[in-house]
Amino acid sequence: MIYKYDGRGEKCPVPLVNLRLLLKKMHPNDECIITIDDLGSITDIPKLLTKQGYHYREQNTVNGIVEISIKVT
């Protein structure tokens, strides 16, 4: 299943908290795509994902928006 979360316009820690809730729902082979633009979230979310051992890909898009794709294995 592919989960999508648009966190643009939300300030940290809201995107981080919502992402943690999504990660708890996910199963192997699921994917989550999160879009964020808050500088705190752009820093904190990759740290969380790395610390918890998730595989993810980070892509910068226009106007300071970052899209993070997380794959559960």
PDB file of N, CA and C in Angstrom:
ATOM      1  N   MET A   1       0.844  -1.161   0.000  1.00  0.00           N
ATOM      2  CA  MET A   1       0.000   0.000   0.000  1.00  0.00           C
ATOM      3  C   MET A   1       0.897   1.234   0.000  1.00  0.00           C
ATOM      4  N   ILE A   2       0.445   2.290  -0.637  1.00  0.00           N
ATOM      5  CA  ILE A   2       1.181   3.549  -0.667  1.00  0.00           C
ATOM      6  C   ILE A   2       0.414   4.564   0.177  1.00  0.00           C
ATOM      7  N   TYR A   3       1.094   5.083   1.171  1.00  0.00           N
ATOM      8  CA  TYR A   3       0.537   6.123   2.030  1.00  0.00           C
ATOM      9  C   TYR A   3       1.113   7.461   1.587  1.00  0.00           C
ATOM     10  N   LYS A   4       0.282   8.497   1.545  1.00  0.00           N
ATOM     11  CA  LYS A   4       0.758   9.825   1.187  1.00  0.00           C
ATOM     12  C   LYS A   4       0.352  10.802   2.279  1.00  0.00           C
ATOM     13  N   TYR A   5       1.289  11.671   2.622  1.00  0.00           N
ATOM     14  CA  TYR A   5       1.013  12.690   3.632  1.00  0.00           C
ATOM     15  C   TYR A   5       1.587  14.016   3.161  1.00  0.00           C
ATOM     16  N   ASP A   6       0.736  15.014   3.063  1.00  0.00           N
ATOM     17  CA  ASP A   6       1.141  16.345   2.657  1.00  0.00           C
ATOM     18  C   ASP A   6       1.252  17.211   3.907  1.00  0.00           C
ATOM     19  N   GLY A   7       2.467  17.448   4.349  1.00  0.00           N
ATOM     20  CA  GLY A   7       2.705  18.233   5.549  1.00  0.00           C
ATOM     21  C   GLY A   7       3.120  19.663   5.246  1.00  0.00           C
ATOM     22  N   ARG A   8       2.914  20.107   4.001  1.00  0.00           N
ATOM     23  CA  ARG A   8       3.273  21.485   3.657  1.00  0.00           C
ATOM     24  C   ARG A   8       2.435  22.455   4.478  1.00  0.00           C
ATOM     25  N   GLY A   9       3.093  23.464   4.996  1.00  0.00           N
ATOM     26  CA  GLY A   9       2.417  24.475   5.785  1.00  0.00           C
ATOM     27  C   GLY A   9       2.283  24.123   7.255  1.00  0.00           C
ATOM     28  N   GLU A  10       2.665  22.921   7.630  1.00  0.00           N
ATOM     29  CA  GLU A  10       2.598  22.498   9.030  1.00  0.00           C
ATOM     30  C   GLU A  10       3.975  22.636   9.664  1.00  0.00           C
ATOM     31  N   LYS A  11       4.002  23.147  10.859  1.00  0.00           N
ATOM     32  CA  LYS A  11       5.267  23.359  11.572  1.00  0.00           C
ATOM     33  C   LYS A  11       5.611  22.144  12.430  1.00  0.00           C
ATOM     34  N   CYS A  12       6.895  21.916  12.577  1.00  0.00           N
ATOM     35  CA  CYS A  12       7.392  20.844  13.434  1.00  0.00           C
ATOM     36  C   CYS A  12       6.889  21.069  14.851  1.00  0.00           C
ATOM     37  N   PRO A  13       6.406  20.088  15.532  1.00  0.00           N
ATOM     38  CA  PRO A  13       6.574  18.649  15.323  1.00  0.00           C
ATOM     39  C   PRO A  13       5.387  17.958  14.661  1.00  0.00           C
ATOM     40  N   VAL A  14       4.402  18.710  14.132  1.00  0.00           N
ATOM     41  CA  VAL A  14       3.198  18.077  13.577  1.00  0.00           C
ATOM     42  C   VAL A  14       3.530  17.060  12.477  1.00  0.00           C
ATOM     43  N   PRO A  15       4.323  17.392  11.443  1.00  0.00           N
ATOM     44  CA  PRO A  15       4.638  16.381  10.430  1.00  0.00           C
ATOM     45  C   PRO A  15       5.357  15.159  10.999  1.00  0.00           C
ATOM     46  N   LEU A  16       6.239  15.377  11.958  1.00  0.00           N
ATOM     47  CA  LEU A  16       6.971  14.273  12.585  1.00  0.00           C
ATOM     48  C   LEU A  16       6.019  13.340  13.328  1.00  0.00           C
ATOM     49  N   VAL A  17       5.115  13.908  14.093  1.00  0.00           N
ATOM     50  CA  VAL A  17       4.145  13.100  14.843  1.00  0.00           C
ATOM     51  C   VAL A  17       3.238  12.325  13.876  1.00  0.00           C
ATOM     52  N   ASN A  18       2.739  12.990  12.845  1.00  0.00           N
ATOM     53  CA  ASN A  18       1.866  12.310  11.880  1.00  0.00           C
ATOM     54  C   ASN A  18       2.606  11.219  11.114  1.00  0.00           C
ATOM     55  N   LEU A  19       3.871  11.455  10.797  1.00  0.00           N
ATOM     56  CA  LEU A  19       4.661  10.421  10.127  1.00  0.00           C
ATOM     57  C   LEU A  19       4.837   9.212  11.033  1.00  0.00           C
ATOM     58  N   ARG A  20       5.115   9.439  12.304  1.00  0.00           N
ATOM     59  CA  ARG A  20       5.272   8.306  13.241  1.00  0.00           C
ATOM     60  C   ARG A  20       3.999   7.472  13.304  1.00  0.00           C
ATOM     61  N   LEU A  21       2.844   8.112  13.272  1.00  0.00           N
ATOM     62  CA  LEU A  21       1.575   7.381  13.262  1.00  0.00           C
ATOM     63  C   LEU A  21       1.428   6.560  11.984  1.00  0.00           C
ATOM     64  N   LEU A  22       1.808   7.132  10.854  1.00  0.00           N
ATOM     65  CA  LEU A  22       1.748   6.390   9.585  1.00  0.00           C
ATOM     66  C   LEU A  22       2.699   5.196   9.596  1.00  0.00           C
ATOM     67  N   LEU A  23       3.903   5.389  10.116  1.00  0.00           N
ATOM     68  CA  LEU A  23       4.884   4.300  10.138  1.00  0.00           C
ATOM     69  C   LEU A  23       4.388   3.113  10.954  1.00  0.00           C
ATOM     70  N   LYS A  24       3.622   3.380  12.006  1.00  0.00           N
ATOM     71  CA  LYS A  24       3.078   2.294  12.827  1.00  0.00           C
ATOM     72  C   LYS A  24       2.051   1.457  12.057  1.00  0.00           C
ATOM     73  N   LYS A  25       1.377   2.060  11.084  1.00  0.00           N
ATOM     74  CA  LYS A  25       0.358   1.362  10.288  1.00  0.00           C
ATOM     75  C   LYS A  25       0.964   0.532   9.162  1.00  0.00           C
ATOM     76  N   MET A  26       2.188   0.848   8.790  1.00  0.00           N
ATOM     77  CA  MET A  26       2.777   0.260   7.600  1.00  0.00           C
ATOM     78  C   MET A  26       3.266  -1.171   7.824  1.00  0.00           C
ATOM     79  N   HIS A  27       3.227  -1.931   6.724  1.00  0.00           N
ATOM     80  CA  HIS A  27       3.662  -3.327   6.697  1.00  0.00           C
ATOM     81  C   HIS A  27       4.783  -3.475   5.676  1.00  0.00           C
ATOM     82  N   PRO A  28       5.482  -4.619   5.673  1.00  0.00           N
ATOM     83  CA  PRO A  28       6.527  -4.835   4.670  1.00  0.00           C
ATOM     84  C   PRO A  28       6.009  -4.599   3.254  1.00  0.00           C
ATOM     85  N   ASN A  29       6.833  -3.975   2.447  1.00  0.00           N
ATOM     86  CA  ASN A  29       6.576  -3.599   1.059  1.00  0.00           C
ATOM     87  C   ASN A  29       5.652  -2.393   0.911  1.00  0.00           C
ATOM     88  N   ASP A  30       5.209  -1.790   2.009  1.00  0.00           N
ATOM     89  CA  ASP A  30       4.451  -0.547   1.937  1.00  0.00           C
ATOM     90  C   ASP A  30       5.415   0.608   1.699  1.00  0.00           C
ATOM     91  N   GLU A  31       4.857   1.691   1.193  1.00  0.00           N
ATOM     92  CA  GLU A  31       5.648   2.880   0.936  1.00  0.00           C
ATOM     93  C   GLU A  31       4.879   4.098   1.447  1.00  0.00           C
ATOM     94  N   CYS A  32       5.620   5.078   1.927  1.00  0.00           N
ATOM     95  CA  CYS A  32       5.021   6.323   2.393  1.00  0.00           C
ATOM     96  C   CYS A  32       5.735   7.473   1.693  1.00  0.00           C
ATOM     97  N   ILE A  33       4.953   8.393   1.148  1.00  0.00           N
ATOM     98  CA  ILE A  33       5.517   9.576   0.515  1.00  0.00           C
ATOM     99  C   ILE A  33       5.040  10.781   1.312  1.00  0.00           C
ATOM    100  N   ILE A  34       5.981  11.507   1.880  1.00  0.00           N
ATOM    101  CA  ILE A  34       5.659  12.670   2.698  1.00  0.00           C
ATOM    102  C   ILE A  34       6.248  13.916   2.041  1.00  0.00           C
ATOM    103  N   THR A  35       5.448  14.969   1.990  1.00  0.00           N
ATOM    104  CA  THR A  35       5.871  16.244   1.421  1.00  0.00           C
ATOM    105  C   THR A  35       5.880  17.273   2.538  1.00  0.00           C
ATOM    106  N   ILE A  36       7.020  17.936   2.735  1.00  0.00           N
ATOM    107  CA  ILE A  36       7.168  18.893   3.827  1.00  0.00           C
ATOM    108  C   ILE A  36       7.901  20.144   3.348  1.00  0.00           C
ATOM    109  N   ASP A  37       7.718  21.241   4.094  1.00  0.00           N
ATOM    110  CA  ASP A  37       8.446  22.468   3.771  1.00  0.00           C
ATOM    111  C   ASP A  37       8.973  23.195   5.008  1.00  0.00           C
ATOM    112  N   ASP A  38       8.735  22.657   6.177  1.00  0.00           N
ATOM    113  CA  ASP A  38       9.213  23.262   7.412  1.00  0.00           C
ATOM    114  C   ASP A  38      10.665  22.836   7.659  1.00  0.00           C
ATOM    115  N   LEU A  39      11.532  23.820   7.932  1.00  0.00           N
ATOM    116  CA  LEU A  39      12.962  23.520   8.102  1.00  0.00           C
ATOM    117  C   LEU A  39      13.231  22.554   9.244  1.00  0.00           C
ATOM    118  N   GLY A  40      12.488  22.664  10.335  1.00  0.00           N
ATOM    119  CA  GLY A  40      12.660  21.729  11.450  1.00  0.00           C
ATOM    120  C   GLY A  40      12.326  20.309  11.047  1.00  0.00           C
ATOM    121  N   SER A  41      11.240  20.149  10.319  1.00  0.00           N
ATOM    122  CA  SER A  41      10.828  18.815   9.852  1.00  0.00           C
ATOM    123  C   SER A  41      11.817  18.260   8.836  1.00  0.00           C
ATOM    124  N   ILE A  42      12.327  19.136   7.969  1.00  0.00           N
ATOM    125  CA  ILE A  42      13.287  18.697   6.944  1.00  0.00           C
ATOM    126  C   ILE A  42      14.549  18.155   7.604  1.00  0.00           C
ATOM    127  N   THR A  43      14.894  18.673   8.764  1.00  0.00           N
ATOM    128  CA  THR A  43      16.054  18.191   9.511  1.00  0.00           C
ATOM    129  C   THR A  43      15.720  16.975  10.366  1.00  0.00           C
ATOM    130  N   ASP A  44      14.593  17.049  11.092  1.00  0.00           N
ATOM    131  CA  ASP A  44      14.269  16.028  12.093  1.00  0.00           C
ATOM    132  C   ASP A  44      13.776  14.709  11.503  1.00  0.00           C
ATOM    133  N   ILE A  45      13.004  14.756  10.431  1.00  0.00           N
ATOM    134  CA  ILE A  45      12.427  13.523   9.884  1.00  0.00           C
ATOM    135  C   ILE A  45      13.511  12.576   9.354  1.00  0.00           C
ATOM    136  N   PRO A  46      14.472  13.039   8.539  1.00  0.00           N
ATOM    137  CA  PRO A  46      15.537  12.102   8.134  1.00  0.00           C
ATOM    138  C   PRO A  46      16.330  11.533   9.313  1.00  0.00           C
ATOM    139  N   LYS A  47      16.542  12.344  10.356  1.00  0.00           N
ATOM    140  CA  LYS A  47      17.242  11.831  11.546  1.00  0.00           C
ATOM    141  C   LYS A  47      16.461  10.691  12.181  1.00  0.00           C
ATOM    142  N   LEU A  48      15.148  10.873  12.317  1.00  0.00           N
ATOM    143  CA  LEU A  48      14.291   9.827  12.879  1.00  0.00           C
ATOM    144  C   LEU A  48      14.337   8.561  12.025  1.00  0.00           C
ATOM    145  N   LEU A  49      14.205   8.726  10.717  1.00  0.00           N
ATOM    146  CA  LEU A  49      14.191   7.570   9.816  1.00  0.00           C
ATOM    147  C   LEU A  49      15.510   6.811   9.867  1.00  0.00           C
ATOM    148  N   THR A  50      16.619   7.528   9.893  1.00  0.00           N
ATOM    149  CA  THR A  50      17.935   6.887   9.974  1.00  0.00           C
ATOM    150  C   THR A  50      18.083   6.159  11.300  1.00  0.00           C
ATOM    151  N   LYS A  51      17.698   6.827  12.389  1.00  0.00           N
ATOM    152  CA  LYS A  51      17.822   6.221  13.717  1.00  0.00           C
ATOM    153  C   LYS A  51      17.009   4.934  13.831  1.00  0.00           C
ATOM    154  N   GLN A  52      15.819   4.905  13.191  1.00  0.00           N
ATOM    155  CA  GLN A  52      14.956   3.733  13.280  1.00  0.00           C
ATOM    156  C   GLN A  52      15.214   2.712  12.168  1.00  0.00           C
ATOM    157  N   GLY A  53      16.174   2.976  11.294  1.00  0.00           N
ATOM    158  CA  GLY A  53      16.601   1.997  10.298  1.00  0.00           C
ATOM    159  C   GLY A  53      15.740   1.914   9.051  1.00  0.00           C
ATOM    160  N   TYR A  54      14.990   2.956   8.745  1.00  0.00           N
ATOM    161  CA  TYR A  54      14.167   2.951   7.531  1.00  0.00           C
ATOM    162  C   TYR A  54      15.004   3.317   6.318  1.00  0.00           C
ATOM    163  N   HIS A  55      14.639   2.739   5.169  1.00  0.00           N
ATOM    164  CA  HIS A  55      15.254   3.101   3.899  1.00  0.00           C
ATOM    165  C   HIS A  55      14.394   4.207   3.304  1.00  0.00           C
ATOM    166  N   TYR A  56      15.025   5.312   2.941  1.00  0.00           N
ATOM    167  CA  TYR A  56      14.259   6.415   2.386  1.00  0.00           C
ATOM    168  C   TYR A  56      15.074   7.150   1.326  1.00  0.00           C
ATOM    169  N   ARG A  57      14.344   7.894   0.532  1.00  0.00           N
ATOM    170  CA  ARG A  57      14.952   8.714  -0.517  1.00  0.00           C
ATOM    171  C   ARG A  57      14.400  10.118  -0.354  1.00  0.00           C
ATOM    172  N   GLU A  58      15.280  11.086  -0.337  1.00  0.00           N
ATOM    173  CA  GLU A  58      14.895  12.483  -0.139  1.00  0.00           C
ATOM    174  C   GLU A  58      15.117  13.244  -1.438  1.00  0.00           C
ATOM    175  N   GLN A  59      14.115  14.025  -1.845  1.00  0.00           N
ATOM    176  CA  GLN A  59      14.217  14.770  -3.088  1.00  0.00           C
ATOM    177  C   GLN A  59      13.750  16.205  -2.854  1.00  0.00           C
ATOM    178  N   ASN A  60      14.590  17.164  -3.211  1.00  0.00           N
ATOM    179  CA  ASN A  60      14.216  18.570  -3.123  1.00  0.00           C
ATOM    180  C   ASN A  60      13.417  18.941  -4.365  1.00  0.00           C
ATOM    181  N   THR A  61      12.288  19.591  -4.165  1.00  0.00           N
ATOM    182  CA  THR A  61      11.491  20.063  -5.284  1.00  0.00           C
ATOM    183  C   THR A  61      11.508  21.589  -5.269  1.00  0.00           C
ATOM    184  N   VAL A  62      10.588  22.226  -5.931  1.00  0.00           N
ATOM    185  CA  VAL A  62      10.587  23.684  -6.045  1.00  0.00           C
ATOM    186  C   VAL A  62      10.163  24.358  -4.739  1.00  0.00           C
ATOM    187  N   ASN A  63      10.608  25.591  -4.562  1.00  0.00           N
ATOM    188  CA  ASN A  63      10.217  26.453  -3.443  1.00  0.00           C
ATOM    189  C   ASN A  63      10.507  25.871  -2.067  1.00  0.00           C
ATOM    190  N   GLY A  64      11.601  25.138  -1.912  1.00  0.00           N
ATOM    191  CA  GLY A  64      11.977  24.622  -0.603  1.00  0.00           C
ATOM    192  C   GLY A  64      11.160  23.446  -0.111  1.00  0.00           C
ATOM    193  N   ILE A  65      10.406  22.832  -0.991  1.00  0.00           N
ATOM    194  CA  ILE A  65       9.598  21.679  -0.617  1.00  0.00           C
ATOM    195  C   ILE A  65      10.432  20.412  -0.781  1.00  0.00           C
ATOM    196  N   VAL A  66      10.361  19.542   0.195  1.00  0.00           N
ATOM    197  CA  VAL A  66      11.112  18.286   0.175  1.00  0.00           C
ATOM    198  C   VAL A  66      10.117  17.122   0.178  1.00  0.00           C
ATOM    199  N   GLU A  67      10.371  16.156  -0.701  1.00  0.00           N
ATOM    200  CA  GLU A  67       9.556  14.946  -0.748  1.00  0.00           C
ATOM    201  C   GLU A  67      10.424  13.782  -0.286  1.00  0.00           C
ATOM    202  N   ILE A  68       9.925  13.055   0.692  1.00  0.00           N
ATOM    203  CA  ILE A  68      10.654  11.903   1.238  1.00  0.00           C
ATOM    204  C   ILE A  68       9.832  10.652   0.964  1.00  0.00           C
ATOM    205  N   SER A  69      10.454   9.685   0.338  1.00  0.00           N
ATOM    206  CA  SER A  69       9.821   8.405   0.030  1.00  0.00           C
ATOM    207  C   SER A  69      10.435   7.347   0.938  1.00  0.00           C
ATOM    208  N   ILE A  70       9.576   6.690   1.722  1.00  0.00           N
ATOM    209  CA  ILE A  70      10.027   5.710   2.713  1.00  0.00           C
ATOM    210  C   ILE A  70       9.513   4.341   2.322  1.00  0.00           C
ATOM    211  N   LYS A  71      10.399   3.365   2.277  1.00  0.00           N
ATOM    212  CA  LYS A  71      10.029   2.002   1.916  1.00  0.00           C
ATOM    213  C   LYS A  71      10.232   1.100   3.135  1.00  0.00           C
ATOM    214  N   VAL A  72       9.210   0.346   3.489  1.00  0.00           N
ATOM    215  CA  VAL A  72       9.301  -0.593   4.605  1.00  0.00           C
ATOM    216  C   VAL A  72       9.696  -1.955   4.041  1.00  0.00           C
ATOM    217  N   THR A  73      10.759  -2.544   4.599  1.00  0.00           N
ATOM    218  CA  THR A  73      11.211  -3.852   4.109  1.00  0.00           C
ATOM    219  C   THR A  73      10.962  -4.918   5.143  1.00  0.00           C
TER     220      THR A  73
END
